[in-house]
Amino acid sequence: MVETPNAVEVRGLSKQFVIRRDRSLKERLVQRRTSLAHKEVFWALRDVDVDVRAGDSMGIIGANGSGKSTLLKCMTGVIQPDAGTVGIRGRIAALLELGAGFHPDLTGAENIFLNAAIMGRTRAETQRDFDAIVAFSGIGDFINSQVKFYSSGMYVRLAFSVAIHVDPDMLLVDEVLAVGDEPFQRKCMERIHEFQRDGRTIVFVSHSAEQVLDLCNRAVVLDHGRVVTIDEPEAAFKVLREGYNETMQAQSAAEQADGHSPRLSGIAVGQPGTGSTEQQVSIAPGGAVVVSGQVLAGPGGATTSTLGVSIETSGGVTIYSVESSALGLAFDGSRDHDFELLFPDLWLASGEYALSLRLIGSDGGQLDSVPRCATITVDGGTGSAGFLHVRPQLLVGD
């Protein structure tokens, strides 16, 4: 059996940036001798190893500042690493930060030729595809205006249109697609799916769990410039969420130690009537679940709060959310409260789902949160895909 070659090979990649604490150029010149004491080395990437097989769609996920965009820029050669190597096989088209590869004083039409040339296209090749590029971008008569007058959405429309028309073997996309409007995002995702069907390689940076789960067959999780895991997207997002949870719980514990606000405690789930609650419950599609816990009063005793509950997929996509205020219930901050919230018929498809709870103050601010604190496993309902078990009926005419 012939192994699929790698389209991208990243080995021991490290990149550092120097953060200067000087407030001005004048201060740096006047205090040249002490300038070194006012800088700090920040490692955006440390010893990163990643392989992307040809034809794969690899997601890069992580918190802000984890090194996602830096890794993508190293892959494209926009920035050079301080250590390690990046090997690329094939022609790359890249969508990085807004306006990358565009000159603000040139028109959209002129920037099409400039951007395509950067990606290795000849003027004749670009001229052949010019009308198709403009048509896909949908910016119309603005094509002859200087791009410095473009909105952020127009930038993205034109940049994406150029990228997909240069016939790349590999498409690298940063979070810029989040800037475009919803119809254009759908249009872009449809074209990316066409690239997948053609067997092209995609590297995709996004905070959208829904997009990564839909598009990618592998995902790498970065944290403070290091690789945490490389796995299937659902498993990768589970690791990412666990990291988020640990951070949020540590922050919540620190806030609670200050003793200034109410907090949630003892969250558990179970089936009504059983008298048993734990951190996990298993049901069939349409089964009932009860969520229980406590709202503990803060020392001030004056803050009124409401409870927010969300049901999320294993990949972190919220499929349902409700607040107790919508049910006519708020908690008096002068005392502790026990609560039970009943979901009488959860028609969820087979899979694993997480419950996240939050406590919201009267001003709308979050007082406490316990993300992904309990699990609902749904068994049964096979033969369908998605998150809902809707039990359709097939009606056949004569």
Foldseek 3Di string as FASTA:
>chain_A
DDDFAFQKWWFQFKAKDKAFQDPDPVVCVVPVVCRVVRIDIAILAGGATDTHGQLFEEEEDEDPSLNPLVVLCCQVVVDPTPDTDMDGDWFEQEDHDQQPQADQAAALLVSLQSSLVVSPDDPVLSVVCVVVLCVQLPPPPSRRPRCNPPDSQSSVSNSLSSRLSSPTLEYEYAASLVVHDDVSSVVSLVSLVVSSVVRGYYYYYHPDLVSCLVRGQWYWYGGSNYTPDIGGLLVNLLVNVVVVLVVQVVVLVVLVVVQDFKEWDDKWKEAPPPPDTHQEYEDAAFAKMKIKTKTAAGPVQAWKKKKKKFKAASNGHTPDIDICVVVVDIDRRNGMDIDMDMDHTHQWAFHKIFMKMFIATPVRHTNGIRGRRGMYGYDDLPPDDDTGNDPDDDDDDD
